[in-house]
Amino acid sequence: MLDLYFYPGGNVKPIITINNLSKTYASGFNALNQVSLDIQRGEILSLLGPNGAGKTTLISIVCGIVTPSAGSVSIDGHDIVSDFRAARAKVGLVPQELSTAAFESVWDTLNFSRGLFGKPSNPAFIEKILRDLSLWEKKDAKIMELSGGMKRRVLIAKALCHEPEVLFLDEPTAGVDVELRHDMWTMIGKLRQQGVTIILTTHYIEEAEEMADRIGIINNGEIVLVEEKTTLMNKLGKKQLTLSLQNTLQKLPTSLSHLPLSISQNGNALVYSYDTQAEHSGIPELLRLLDEHNIDFKDLNTSESSLEDIFVNLIKESA
């Protein structure tokens, strides 16, 4: 577990405020529908949702790439439309797609990108980014000569070269090697400790479970839920008690049908689900009823719902 900078939660003004944001494309497709969201300074927010849910559209609007149909977004008090330059300077974006100029060197790419934001030349800072991302040996190489993984590293370096206060990572580890993923999360840990606000989308839910302070779930262009990760896990997580049976069971006795109890596919185990927040788990009653029906078990163990389980259930409910 990374030693992460503690974000102040709701006690200070959010660094990003999104109000009733909607986007309908020329084709008529409604990508976002009245999305409202506050992002706190210094937090890591993981935005989860299936393909086509609106994650990339939301990020693209906040970063000034896509124009909203309605609603507003402000970044550290700067409106993304009326005060575009100041708002955009606050943000770094690592997009999904590899879209770097093929004939530039890595060094020139980063220096040029830094200059676009009006930042003075700072070779020492650029060198640090390149070394942190294991790119220093490639600083004079042309982008076209790099592997896909190295190009991904360049995108991350570009997003950081103007020292943004907010970093968006749109599926940053999709299809990358383990080494890059490790380097990336190490850098995110360092940025987090410096107070940089990080918003990431990912298909690797275990990464969100490990890194995020809050989880946002989006589906069909609407925010389904935004919650502190630990609160979400406690509120919506379920525990399961699995009892390995002495003898195979084909079906449950009728008198047990009222319980949240199921038989495993091979009939060798019973699975009992219960709410961790409930006053009573119901396990003593379950064990008593099993004894009354002469259903013997040889072993038992408990497990908790993962963030992935919660995510899947919430998406099903909002479909």
C-alpha atoms as a PDB file:
ATOM      1  CA  MET A   1       0.000   0.000   0.000  1.00  0.00           C
ATOM      2  CA  LEU A   2       1.385   3.382  -0.985  1.00  0.00           C
ATOM      3  CA  ASP A   3       1.930   5.993   1.695  1.00  0.00           C
ATOM      4  CA  LEU A   4      -0.474   8.542   0.278  1.00  0.00           C
ATOM      5  CA  TYR A   5      -0.923  12.216   1.005  1.00  0.00           C
ATOM      6  CA  PHE A   6      -4.091  12.791   3.040  1.00  0.00           C
ATOM      7  CA  TYR A   7      -6.627  14.824   1.120  1.00  0.00           C
ATOM      8  CA  PRO A   8      -8.801  17.271   3.061  1.00  0.00           C
ATOM      9  CA  GLY A   9     -12.154  15.868   1.902  1.00  0.00           C
ATOM     10  CA  GLY A  10     -15.100  18.238   1.912  1.00  0.00           C
ATOM     11  CA  ASN A  11     -13.622  20.772   4.333  1.00  0.00           C
ATOM     12  CA  VAL A  12     -12.215  23.035   1.594  1.00  0.00           C
ATOM     13  CA  LYS A  13     -13.391  24.337  -1.753  1.00  0.00           C
ATOM     14  CA  PRO A  14     -13.219  21.613  -4.456  1.00  0.00           C
ATOM     15  CA  ILE A  15     -10.528  22.054  -7.093  1.00  0.00           C
ATOM     16  CA  ILE A  16     -13.001  20.953  -9.817  1.00  0.00           C
ATOM     17  CA  THR A  17     -16.717  21.723  -9.779  1.00  0.00           C
ATOM     18  CA  ILE A  18     -18.967  20.175 -12.436  1.00  0.00           C
ATOM     19  CA  ASN A  19     -22.579  21.361 -12.564  1.00  0.00           C
ATOM     20  CA  ASN A  20     -25.371  19.799 -14.653  1.00  0.00           C
ATOM     21  CA  LEU A  21     -22.975  18.893 -17.457  1.00  0.00           C
ATOM     22  CA  SER A  22     -24.563  17.427 -20.586  1.00  0.00           C
ATOM     23  CA  LYS A  23     -23.220  16.484 -24.000  1.00  0.00           C
ATOM     24  CA  THR A  24     -25.222  15.486 -27.066  1.00  0.00           C
ATOM     25  CA  TYR A  25     -23.247  14.842 -30.247  1.00  0.00           C
ATOM     26  CA  ALA A  26     -24.382  15.837 -33.755  1.00  0.00           C
ATOM     27  CA  SER A  27     -25.473  12.238 -34.331  1.00  0.00           C
ATOM     28  CA  GLY A  28     -28.014  12.652 -31.525  1.00  0.00           C
ATOM     29  CA  PHE A  29     -26.100  10.431 -29.114  1.00  0.00           C
ATOM     30  CA  ASN A  30     -26.505  11.691 -25.540  1.00  0.00           C
ATOM     31  CA  ALA A  31     -23.113  10.967 -23.973  1.00  0.00           C
ATOM     32  CA  LEU A  32     -23.655  12.870 -20.702  1.00  0.00           C
ATOM     33  CA  ASN A  33     -26.871  13.779 -18.935  1.00  0.00           C
ATOM     34  CA  GLN A  34     -26.760  16.489 -16.225  1.00  0.00           C
ATOM     35  CA  VAL A  35     -23.623  15.244 -14.499  1.00  0.00           C
ATOM     36  CA  SER A  36     -22.703  17.079 -11.291  1.00  0.00           C
ATOM     37  CA  LEU A  37     -19.543  16.267  -9.389  1.00  0.00           C
ATOM     38  CA  ASP A  38     -17.108  17.962  -7.000  1.00  0.00           C
ATOM     39  CA  ILE A  39     -13.499  16.759  -7.037  1.00  0.00           C
ATOM     40  CA  GLN A  40     -11.539  17.575  -3.902  1.00  0.00           C
ATOM     41  CA  ARG A  41      -8.053  19.037  -3.961  1.00  0.00           C
ATOM     42  CA  GLY A  42      -5.376  16.402  -3.429  1.00  0.00           C
ATOM     43  CA  GLU A  43      -7.583  13.324  -3.744  1.00  0.00           C
ATOM     44  CA  ILE A  44      -7.400  10.351  -6.054  1.00  0.00           C
ATOM     45  CA  LEU A  45     -10.797   9.791  -7.644  1.00  0.00           C
ATOM     46  CA  SER A  46     -11.313   6.661  -9.706  1.00  0.00           C
ATOM     47  CA  LEU A  47     -14.053   6.886 -12.306  1.00  0.00           C
ATOM     48  CA  LEU A  48     -15.440   3.466 -13.207  1.00  0.00           C
ATOM     49  CA  GLY A  49     -17.960   2.511 -15.849  1.00  0.00           C
ATOM     50  CA  PRO A  50     -18.470   0.170 -18.811  1.00  0.00           C
ATOM     51  CA  ASN A  51     -17.378   1.088 -22.342  1.00  0.00           C
ATOM     52  CA  GLY A  52     -19.509   3.931 -23.686  1.00  0.00           C
ATOM     53  CA  ALA A  53     -20.607   5.059 -20.223  1.00  0.00           C
ATOM     54  CA  GLY A  54     -19.338   8.630 -20.737  1.00  0.00           C
ATOM     55  CA  LYS A  55     -15.996   8.546 -18.912  1.00  0.00           C
ATOM     56  CA  THR A  56     -13.858   9.796 -21.787  1.00  0.00           C
ATOM     57  CA  THR A  57     -16.427  12.428 -22.820  1.00  0.00           C
ATOM     58  CA  LEU A  58     -16.473  13.790 -19.269  1.00  0.00           C
ATOM     59  CA  ILE A  59     -12.687  13.956 -19.094  1.00  0.00           C
ATOM     60  CA  SER A  60     -12.464  15.498 -22.578  1.00  0.00           C
ATOM     61  CA  ILE A  61     -14.866  18.287 -21.628  1.00  0.00           C
ATOM     62  CA  VAL A  62     -13.041  19.113 -18.409  1.00  0.00           C
ATOM     63  CA  CYS A  63      -9.733  19.172 -20.301  1.00  0.00           C
ATOM     64  CA  GLY A  64     -11.104  21.473 -23.007  1.00  0.00           C
ATOM     65  CA  ILE A  65     -11.058  18.986 -25.872  1.00  0.00           C
ATOM     66  CA  VAL A  66     -14.839  18.607 -26.259  1.00  0.00           C
ATOM     67  CA  THR A  67     -17.401  21.426 -25.981  1.00  0.00           C
ATOM     68  CA  PRO A  68     -20.280  20.772 -23.561  1.00  0.00           C
ATOM     69  CA  SER A  69     -23.892  21.077 -24.723  1.00  0.00           C
ATOM     70  CA  ALA A  70     -25.020  22.412 -21.341  1.00  0.00           C
ATOM     71  CA  GLY A  71     -23.762  22.919 -17.829  1.00  0.00           C
ATOM     72  CA  SER A  72     -20.516  24.320 -16.451  1.00  0.00           C
ATOM     73  CA  VAL A  73     -17.092  23.248 -15.229  1.00  0.00           C
ATOM     74  CA  SER A  74     -14.626  25.272 -13.185  1.00  0.00           C
ATOM     75  CA  ILE A  75     -11.064  24.297 -12.318  1.00  0.00           C
ATOM     76  CA  ASP A  76      -9.658  26.049  -9.259  1.00  0.00           C
ATOM     77  CA  GLY A  77     -12.187  28.821  -9.840  1.00  0.00           C
ATOM     78  CA  HIS A  78     -11.506  29.177 -13.583  1.00  0.00           C
ATOM     79  CA  ASP A  79     -14.396  28.451 -15.950  1.00  0.00           C
ATOM     80  CA  ILE A  80     -13.318  26.102 -18.742  1.00  0.00           C
ATOM     81  CA  VAL A  81     -15.114  28.217 -21.374  1.00  0.00           C
ATOM     82  CA  SER A  82     -14.781  31.856 -20.314  1.00  0.00           C
ATOM     83  CA  ASP A  83     -11.338  31.417 -18.723  1.00  0.00           C
ATOM     84  CA  PHE A  84     -10.038  28.596 -20.883  1.00  0.00           C
ATOM     85  CA  ARG A  85      -6.292  29.267 -20.742  1.00  0.00           C
ATOM     86  CA  ALA A  86      -6.075  29.510 -16.969  1.00  0.00           C
ATOM     87  CA  ALA A  87      -8.266  26.432 -16.520  1.00  0.00           C
ATOM     88  CA  ARG A  88      -6.357  24.328 -19.049  1.00  0.00           C
ATOM     89  CA  ALA A  89      -2.985  25.260 -17.519  1.00  0.00           C
ATOM     90  CA  LYS A  90      -4.103  23.580 -14.278  1.00  0.00           C
ATOM     91  CA  VAL A  91      -4.639  20.230 -15.988  1.00  0.00           C
ATOM     92  CA  GLY A  92      -2.488  17.437 -17.361  1.00  0.00           C
ATOM     93  CA  LEU A  93      -4.056  14.665 -19.455  1.00  0.00           C
ATOM     94  CA  VAL A  94      -2.804  11.206 -20.328  1.00  0.00           C
ATOM     95  CA  PRO A  95      -5.233  10.074 -23.066  1.00  0.00           C
ATOM     96  CA  GLN A  96      -6.065   6.527 -24.101  1.00  0.00           C
ATOM     97  CA  GLU A  97      -4.745   6.907 -27.631  1.00  0.00           C
ATOM     98  CA  LEU A  98      -1.094   7.222 -28.599  1.00  0.00           C
ATOM     99  CA  SER A  99      -1.009  10.540 -30.450  1.00  0.00           C
ATOM    100  CA  THR A 100       2.531  11.900 -30.344  1.00  0.00           C
ATOM    101  CA  ALA A 101       4.362  13.626 -33.217  1.00  0.00           C
ATOM    102  CA  ALA A 102       6.396  10.947 -34.967  1.00  0.00           C
ATOM    103  CA  PHE A 103       9.477  12.925 -36.039  1.00  0.00           C
ATOM    104  CA  GLU A 104      10.265  14.871 -32.862  1.00  0.00           C
ATOM    105  CA  SER A 105      12.719  13.673 -30.238  1.00  0.00           C
ATOM    106  CA  VAL A 106      11.461  12.866 -26.769  1.00  0.00           C
ATOM    107  CA  TRP A 107      13.361  15.824 -25.301  1.00  0.00           C
ATOM    108  CA  ASP A 108      12.030  18.302 -27.876  1.00  0.00           C
ATOM    109  CA  THR A 109       8.481  16.999 -27.439  1.00  0.00           C
ATOM    110  CA  LEU A 110       8.499  17.687 -23.711  1.00  0.00           C
ATOM    111  CA  ASN A 111      10.170  21.071 -23.977  1.00  0.00           C
ATOM    112  CA  PHE A 112       7.750  22.198 -26.689  1.00  0.00           C
ATOM    113  CA  SER A 113       4.743  21.001 -24.687  1.00  0.00           C
ATOM    114  CA  ARG A 114       5.976  22.851 -21.581  1.00  0.00           C
ATOM    115  CA  GLY A 115       6.400  26.019 -23.628  1.00  0.00           C
ATOM    116  CA  LEU A 116       2.827  25.806 -24.926  1.00  0.00           C
ATOM    117  CA  PHE A 117       1.641  26.452 -21.377  1.00  0.00           C
ATOM    118  CA  GLY A 118       3.898  29.478 -20.992  1.00  0.00           C
ATOM    119  CA  LYS A 119       6.283  27.735 -18.627  1.00  0.00           C
ATOM    120  CA  PRO A 120       9.956  28.807 -18.737  1.00  0.00           C
ATOM    121  CA  SER A 121      12.568  26.296 -19.807  1.00  0.00           C
ATOM    122  CA  ASN A 122      13.555  23.955 -16.976  1.00  0.00           C
ATOM    123  CA  PRO A 123      15.934  21.206 -18.188  1.00  0.00           C
ATOM    124  CA  ALA A 124      16.429  19.840 -14.664  1.00  0.00           C
ATOM    125  CA  PHE A 125      12.689  19.298 -14.211  1.00  0.00           C
ATOM    126  CA  ILE A 126      12.335  17.635 -17.626  1.00  0.00           C
ATOM    127  CA  GLU A 127      15.281  15.383 -16.819  1.00  0.00           C
ATOM    128  CA  LYS A 128      13.654  14.353 -13.535  1.00  0.00           C
ATOM    129  CA  ILE A 129      10.419  13.370 -15.279  1.00  0.00           C
ATOM    130  CA  LEU A 130      12.329  11.378 -17.900  1.00  0.00           C
ATOM    131  CA  ARG A 131      14.358   9.561 -15.269  1.00  0.00           C
ATOM    132  CA  ASP A 132      11.281   8.817 -13.148  1.00  0.00           C
ATOM    133  CA  LEU A 133       9.636   7.217 -16.185  1.00  0.00           C
ATOM    134  CA  SER A 134      12.789   5.349 -17.303  1.00  0.00           C
ATOM    135  CA  LEU A 135      12.958   7.492 -20.436  1.00  0.00           C
ATOM    136  CA  TRP A 136      16.273   9.247 -19.904  1.00  0.00           C
ATOM    137  CA  GLU A 137      18.189   6.887 -22.186  1.00  0.00           C
ATOM    138  CA  LYS A 138      15.611   7.595 -24.913  1.00  0.00           C
ATOM    139  CA  LYS A 139      15.667  11.407 -24.614  1.00  0.00           C
ATOM    140  CA  ASP A 140      17.263  11.902 -28.054  1.00  0.00           C
ATOM    141  CA  ALA A 141      15.255   9.180 -29.809  1.00  0.00           C
ATOM    142  CA  LYS A 142      12.510  10.147 -32.240  1.00  0.00           C
ATOM    143  CA  ILE A 143       8.997   9.205 -31.162  1.00  0.00           C
ATOM    144  CA  MET A 144       8.563   7.024 -34.256  1.00  0.00           C
ATOM    145  CA  GLU A 145      11.470   4.854 -33.099  1.00  0.00           C
ATOM    146  CA  LEU A 146       9.891   3.998 -29.753  1.00  0.00           C
ATOM    147  CA  SER A 147       7.895   0.939 -28.759  1.00  0.00           C
ATOM    148  CA  GLY A 148       4.255   1.270 -27.760  1.00  0.00           C
ATOM    149  CA  GLY A 149       5.168   1.111 -24.070  1.00  0.00           C
ATOM    150  CA  MET A 150       7.785   3.840 -24.457  1.00  0.00           C
ATOM    151  CA  LYS A 151       5.307   6.048 -26.339  1.00  0.00           C
ATOM    152  CA  ARG A 152       2.908   5.628 -23.438  1.00  0.00           C
ATOM    153  CA  ARG A 153       5.650   6.835 -21.094  1.00  0.00           C
ATOM    154  CA  VAL A 154       6.142   9.897 -23.303  1.00  0.00           C
ATOM    155  CA  LEU A 155       2.416  10.714 -23.033  1.00  0.00           C
ATOM    156  CA  ILE A 156       2.671  10.623 -19.257  1.00  0.00           C
ATOM    157  CA  ALA A 157       5.765  12.820 -19.338  1.00  0.00           C
ATOM    158  CA  LYS A 158       3.981  15.309 -21.638  1.00  0.00           C
ATOM    159  CA  ALA A 159       1.068  15.511 -19.229  1.00  0.00           C
ATOM    160  CA  LEU A 160       3.413  16.346 -16.358  1.00  0.00           C
ATOM    161  CA  CYS A 161       5.910  18.675 -18.032  1.00  0.00           C
ATOM    162  CA  HIS A 162       3.966  21.896 -17.259  1.00  0.00           C
ATOM    163  CA  GLU A 163       3.566  20.932 -13.579  1.00  0.00           C
ATOM    164  CA  PRO A 164      -0.248  20.613 -13.492  1.00  0.00           C
ATOM    165  CA  GLU A 165      -2.225  20.646 -10.250  1.00  0.00           C
ATOM    166  CA  VAL A 166      -4.729  18.132 -11.648  1.00  0.00           C
ATOM    167  CA  LEU A 167      -3.774  14.992 -13.571  1.00  0.00           C
ATOM    168  CA  PHE A 168      -6.279  12.997 -15.639  1.00  0.00           C
ATOM    169  CA  LEU A 169      -5.338   9.429 -16.517  1.00  0.00           C
ATOM    170  CA  ASP A 170      -7.720   7.893 -19.052  1.00  0.00           C
ATOM    171  CA  GLU A 171      -7.149   4.115 -19.035  1.00  0.00           C
ATOM    172  CA  PRO A 172      -3.408   4.724 -18.542  1.00  0.00           C
ATOM    173  CA  THR A 173      -2.400   1.094 -17.966  1.00  0.00           C
ATOM    174  CA  ALA A 174      -4.492  -0.538 -20.694  1.00  0.00           C
ATOM    175  CA  GLY A 175      -2.239  -2.855 -22.664  1.00  0.00           C
ATOM    176  CA  VAL A 176       1.028  -1.742 -21.058  1.00  0.00           C
ATOM    177  CA  ASP A 177       3.753  -3.913 -19.575  1.00  0.00           C
ATOM    178  CA  VAL A 178       4.127  -4.646 -15.890  1.00  0.00           C
ATOM    179  CA  GLU A 179       7.249  -2.489 -15.581  1.00  0.00           C
ATOM    180  CA  LEU A 180       5.477   0.606 -16.917  1.00  0.00           C
ATOM    181  CA  ARG A 181       2.498  -0.012 -14.664  1.00  0.00           C
ATOM    182  CA  HIS A 182       4.811  -0.207 -11.664  1.00  0.00           C
ATOM    183  CA  ASP A 183       6.668   2.987 -12.679  1.00  0.00           C
ATOM    184  CA  MET A 184       3.380   4.789 -13.238  1.00  0.00           C
ATOM    185  CA  TRP A 185       1.889   3.927  -9.858  1.00  0.00           C
ATOM    186  CA  THR A 186       5.150   4.825  -8.138  1.00  0.00           C
ATOM    187  CA  MET A 187       5.029   8.246  -9.796  1.00  0.00           C
ATOM    188  CA  ILE A 188       1.351   8.664  -8.895  1.00  0.00           C
ATOM    189  CA  GLY A 189       2.253   7.961  -5.283  1.00  0.00           C
ATOM    190  CA  LYS A 190       4.893  10.694  -5.382  1.00  0.00           C
ATOM    191  CA  LEU A 191       2.531  13.176  -7.058  1.00  0.00           C
ATOM    192  CA  ARG A 192      -0.164  12.358  -4.514  1.00  0.00           C
ATOM    193  CA  GLN A 193       2.222  13.134  -1.682  1.00  0.00           C
ATOM    194  CA  GLN A 194       2.862  16.519  -3.320  1.00  0.00           C
ATOM    195  CA  GLY A 195      -0.873  17.267  -3.308  1.00  0.00           C
ATOM    196  CA  VAL A 196      -1.610  16.761  -7.009  1.00  0.00           C
ATOM    197  CA  THR A 197      -5.259  15.839  -7.622  1.00  0.00           C
ATOM    198  CA  ILE A 198      -5.563  12.673  -9.707  1.00  0.00           C
ATOM    199  CA  ILE A 199      -8.577  11.410 -11.615  1.00  0.00           C
ATOM    200  CA  LEU A 200      -8.238   8.065 -13.323  1.00  0.00           C
ATOM    201  CA  THR A 201     -10.376   5.717 -15.326  1.00  0.00           C
ATOM    202  CA  THR A 202      -9.329   2.103 -15.372  1.00  0.00           C
ATOM    203  CA  HIS A 203     -10.528  -1.361 -16.335  1.00  0.00           C
ATOM    204  CA  TYR A 204      -8.246  -2.805 -13.662  1.00  0.00           C
ATOM    205  CA  ILE A 205     -10.593  -2.462 -10.717  1.00  0.00           C
ATOM    206  CA  GLU A 206      -7.965  -3.787  -8.321  1.00  0.00           C
ATOM    207  CA  GLU A 207      -5.958  -0.636  -9.102  1.00  0.00           C
ATOM    208  CA  ALA A 208      -8.886   1.562  -8.139  1.00  0.00           C
ATOM    209  CA  GLU A 209      -9.375  -0.482  -4.988  1.00  0.00           C
ATOM    210  CA  GLU A 210      -5.712  -0.026  -4.084  1.00  0.00           C
ATOM    211  CA  MET A 211      -5.177   3.623  -5.054  1.00  0.00           C
ATOM    212  CA  ALA A 212      -8.409   5.622  -4.874  1.00  0.00           C
ATOM    213  CA  ASP A 213      -9.768   7.741  -2.031  1.00  0.00           C
ATOM    214  CA  ARG A 214     -13.187   7.924  -3.675  1.00  0.00           C
ATOM    215  CA  ILE A 215     -14.954   5.880  -6.304  1.00  0.00           C
ATOM    216  CA  GLY A 216     -17.267   7.384  -8.914  1.00  0.00           C
ATOM    217  CA  ILE A 217     -19.428   5.082 -11.015  1.00  0.00           C
ATOM    218  CA  ILE A 218     -20.864   6.345 -14.298  1.00  0.00           C
ATOM    219  CA  ASN A 219     -23.270   4.517 -16.604  1.00  0.00           C
ATOM    220  CA  ASN A 220     -25.349   5.663 -19.588  1.00  0.00           C
ATOM    221  CA  GLY A 221     -23.971   9.192 -19.214  1.00  0.00           C
ATOM    222  CA  GLU A 222     -25.105   9.595 -15.605  1.00  0.00           C
ATOM    223  CA  ILE A 223     -23.302   9.435 -12.275  1.00  0.00           C
ATOM    224  CA  VAL A 224     -24.659   6.391 -10.460  1.00  0.00           C
ATOM    225  CA  LEU A 225     -22.731   6.927  -7.242  1.00  0.00           C
ATOM    226  CA  VAL A 226     -19.772   8.804  -5.782  1.00  0.00           C
ATOM    227  CA  GLU A 227     -18.569   7.545  -2.434  1.00  0.00           C
ATOM    228  CA  GLU A 228     -15.536   7.261  -0.205  1.00  0.00           C
ATOM    229  CA  LYS A 229     -13.966   3.936  -1.051  1.00  0.00           C
ATOM    230  CA  THR A 230     -13.980   2.600   2.496  1.00  0.00           C
ATOM    231  CA  THR A 231     -17.561   3.776   3.059  1.00  0.00           C
ATOM    232  CA  LEU A 232     -18.647   2.175  -0.197  1.00  0.00           C
ATOM    233  CA  MET A 233     -17.019  -1.118   0.700  1.00  0.00           C
ATOM    234  CA  ASN A 234     -18.647  -1.084   4.147  1.00  0.00           C
ATOM    235  CA  LYS A 235     -22.060   0.067   2.933  1.00  0.00           C
ATOM    236  CA  LEU A 236     -22.465  -2.118  -0.137  1.00  0.00           C
ATOM    237  CA  GLY A 237     -20.027  -4.920   0.536  1.00  0.00           C
ATOM    238  CA  LYS A 238     -21.410  -8.286   1.523  1.00  0.00           C
ATOM    239  CA  LYS A 239     -19.768 -11.112   3.369  1.00  0.00           C
ATOM    240  CA  GLN A 240     -20.194 -14.696   2.341  1.00  0.00           C
ATOM    241  CA  LEU A 241     -19.915 -17.746   4.548  1.00  0.00           C
ATOM    242  CA  THR A 242     -19.077 -20.877   2.580  1.00  0.00           C
ATOM    243  CA  LEU A 243     -19.726 -24.218   4.255  1.00  0.00           C
ATOM    244  CA  SER A 244     -18.091 -27.273   2.683  1.00  0.00           C
ATOM    245  CA  LEU A 245     -20.549 -30.150   3.111  1.00  0.00           C
ATOM    246  CA  GLN A 246     -19.871 -33.689   4.242  1.00  0.00           C
ATOM    247  CA  ASN A 247     -22.367 -34.973   1.695  1.00  0.00           C
ATOM    248  CA  THR A 248     -23.598 -33.561  -1.614  1.00  0.00           C
ATOM    249  CA  LEU A 249     -26.880 -31.643  -1.412  1.00  0.00           C
ATOM    250  CA  GLN A 250     -29.193 -31.541  -4.446  1.00  0.00           C
ATOM    251  CA  LYS A 251     -31.660 -28.911  -3.216  1.00  0.00           C
ATOM    252  CA  LEU A 252     -32.401 -26.816  -0.161  1.00  0.00           C
ATOM    253  CA  PRO A 253     -35.099 -27.904   2.308  1.00  0.00           C
ATOM    254  CA  THR A 254     -38.193 -25.689   2.023  1.00  0.00           C
ATOM    255  CA  SER A 255     -37.758 -24.440   5.577  1.00  0.00           C
ATOM    256  CA  LEU A 256     -34.405 -22.886   4.559  1.00  0.00           C
ATOM    257  CA  SER A 257     -35.723 -21.084   1.492  1.00  0.00           C
ATOM    258  CA  HIS A 258     -36.218 -17.808   3.400  1.00  0.00           C
ATOM    259  CA  LEU A 259     -32.483 -17.520   4.039  1.00  0.00           C
ATOM    260  CA  PRO A 260     -29.964 -15.874   1.648  1.00  0.00           C
ATOM    261  CA  LEU A 261     -28.553 -19.307   1.027  1.00  0.00           C
ATOM    262  CA  SER A 262     -27.521 -21.075  -2.176  1.00  0.00           C
ATOM    263  CA  ILE A 263     -25.992 -24.392  -3.175  1.00  0.00           C
ATOM    264  CA  SER A 264     -22.748 -24.430  -5.133  1.00  0.00           C
ATOM    265  CA  GLN A 265     -22.891 -25.807  -8.659  1.00  0.00           C
ATOM    266  CA  ASN A 266     -21.501 -29.191  -7.683  1.00  0.00           C
ATOM    267  CA  GLY A 267     -23.659 -29.430  -4.548  1.00  0.00           C
ATOM    268  CA  ASN A 268     -20.638 -29.745  -2.269  1.00  0.00           C
ATOM    269  CA  ALA A 269     -21.046 -26.414  -0.502  1.00  0.00           C
ATOM    270  CA  LEU A 270     -23.585 -23.929   0.824  1.00  0.00           C
ATOM    271  CA  VAL A 271     -23.006 -20.191   0.370  1.00  0.00           C
ATOM    272  CA  TYR A 272     -24.628 -17.830   2.877  1.00  0.00           C
ATOM    273  CA  SER A 273     -24.610 -14.051   2.202  1.00  0.00           C
ATOM    274  CA  TYR A 274     -25.040 -11.528   4.977  1.00  0.00           C
ATOM    275  CA  ASP A 275     -24.767  -7.792   5.557  1.00  0.00           C
ATOM    276  CA  THR A 276     -21.690  -6.731   7.505  1.00  0.00           C
ATOM    277  CA  GLN A 277     -23.551  -3.667   8.832  1.00  0.00           C
ATOM    278  CA  ALA A 278     -26.603  -5.559  10.107  1.00  0.00           C
ATOM    279  CA  GLU A 279     -27.118  -5.949  13.845  1.00  0.00           C
ATOM    280  CA  HIS A 280     -27.293  -9.736  13.530  1.00  0.00           C
ATOM    281  CA  SER A 281     -25.547 -11.856  10.911  1.00  0.00           C
ATOM    282  CA  GLY A 282     -28.059 -14.722  11.162  1.00  0.00           C
ATOM    283  CA  ILE A 283     -25.244 -17.260  11.271  1.00  0.00           C
ATOM    284  CA  PRO A 284     -26.270 -18.851  14.625  1.00  0.00           C
ATOM    285  CA  GLU A 285     -29.793 -19.436  13.250  1.00  0.00           C
ATOM    286  CA  LEU A 286     -28.333 -20.899  10.054  1.00  0.00           C
ATOM    287  CA  LEU A 287     -26.122 -23.350  11.924  1.00  0.00           C
ATOM    288  CA  ARG A 288     -29.049 -24.396  14.157  1.00  0.00           C
ATOM    289  CA  LEU A 289     -31.294 -25.060  11.153  1.00  0.00           C
ATOM    290  CA  LEU A 290     -28.587 -27.030   9.386  1.00  0.00           C
ATOM    291  CA  ASP A 291     -28.180 -29.200  12.473  1.00  0.00           C
ATOM    292  CA  GLU A 292     -31.957 -29.755  12.639  1.00  0.00           C
ATOM    293  CA  HIS A 293     -31.906 -30.991   9.034  1.00  0.00           C
ATOM    294  CA  ASN A 294     -28.840 -33.174   9.618  1.00  0.00           C
ATOM    295  CA  ILE A 295     -26.812 -31.194   7.077  1.00  0.00           C
ATOM    296  CA  ASP A 296     -23.238 -31.649   8.237  1.00  0.00           C
ATOM    297  CA  PHE A 297     -20.297 -29.540   7.098  1.00  0.00           C
ATOM    298  CA  LYS A 298     -16.587 -30.243   7.342  1.00  0.00           C
ATOM    299  CA  ASP A 299     -15.169 -26.769   6.862  1.00  0.00           C
ATOM    300  CA  LEU A 300     -16.220 -23.121   6.596  1.00  0.00           C
ATOM    301  CA  ASN A 301     -14.651 -19.868   5.514  1.00  0.00           C
ATOM    302  CA  THR A 302     -15.721 -16.263   4.974  1.00  0.00           C
ATOM    303  CA  SER A 303     -14.997 -13.816   2.156  1.00  0.00           C
ATOM    304  CA  GLU A 304     -15.939 -10.187   1.465  1.00  0.00           C
ATOM    305  CA  SER A 305     -17.254  -8.562  -1.691  1.00  0.00           C
ATOM    306  CA  SER A 306     -14.570  -6.887  -3.754  1.00  0.00           C
ATOM    307  CA  LEU A 307     -14.931  -3.493  -5.392  1.00  0.00           C
ATOM    308  CA  GLU A 308     -15.475  -5.367  -8.652  1.00  0.00           C
ATOM    309  CA  ASP A 309     -18.485  -7.194  -7.199  1.00  0.00           C
ATOM    310  CA  ILE A 310     -19.972  -3.889  -6.021  1.00  0.00           C
ATOM    311  CA  PHE A 311     -19.299  -2.240  -9.390  1.00  0.00           C
ATOM    312  CA  VAL A 312     -20.953  -5.033 -11.365  1.00  0.00           C
ATOM    313  CA  ASN A 313     -24.035  -4.994  -9.116  1.00  0.00           C
ATOM    314  CA  LEU A 314     -24.427  -1.213  -9.332  1.00  0.00           C
ATOM    315  CA  ILE A 315     -24.126  -1.241 -13.123  1.00  0.00           C
ATOM    316  CA  LYS A 316     -26.779  -3.960 -13.337  1.00  0.00           C
ATOM    317  CA  GLU A 317     -29.105  -1.913 -11.131  1.00  0.00           C
ATOM    318  CA  SER A 318     -28.633   1.253 -13.233  1.00  0.00           C
ATOM    319  CA  ALA A 319     -28.986  -0.450 -16.642  1.00  0.00           C
END
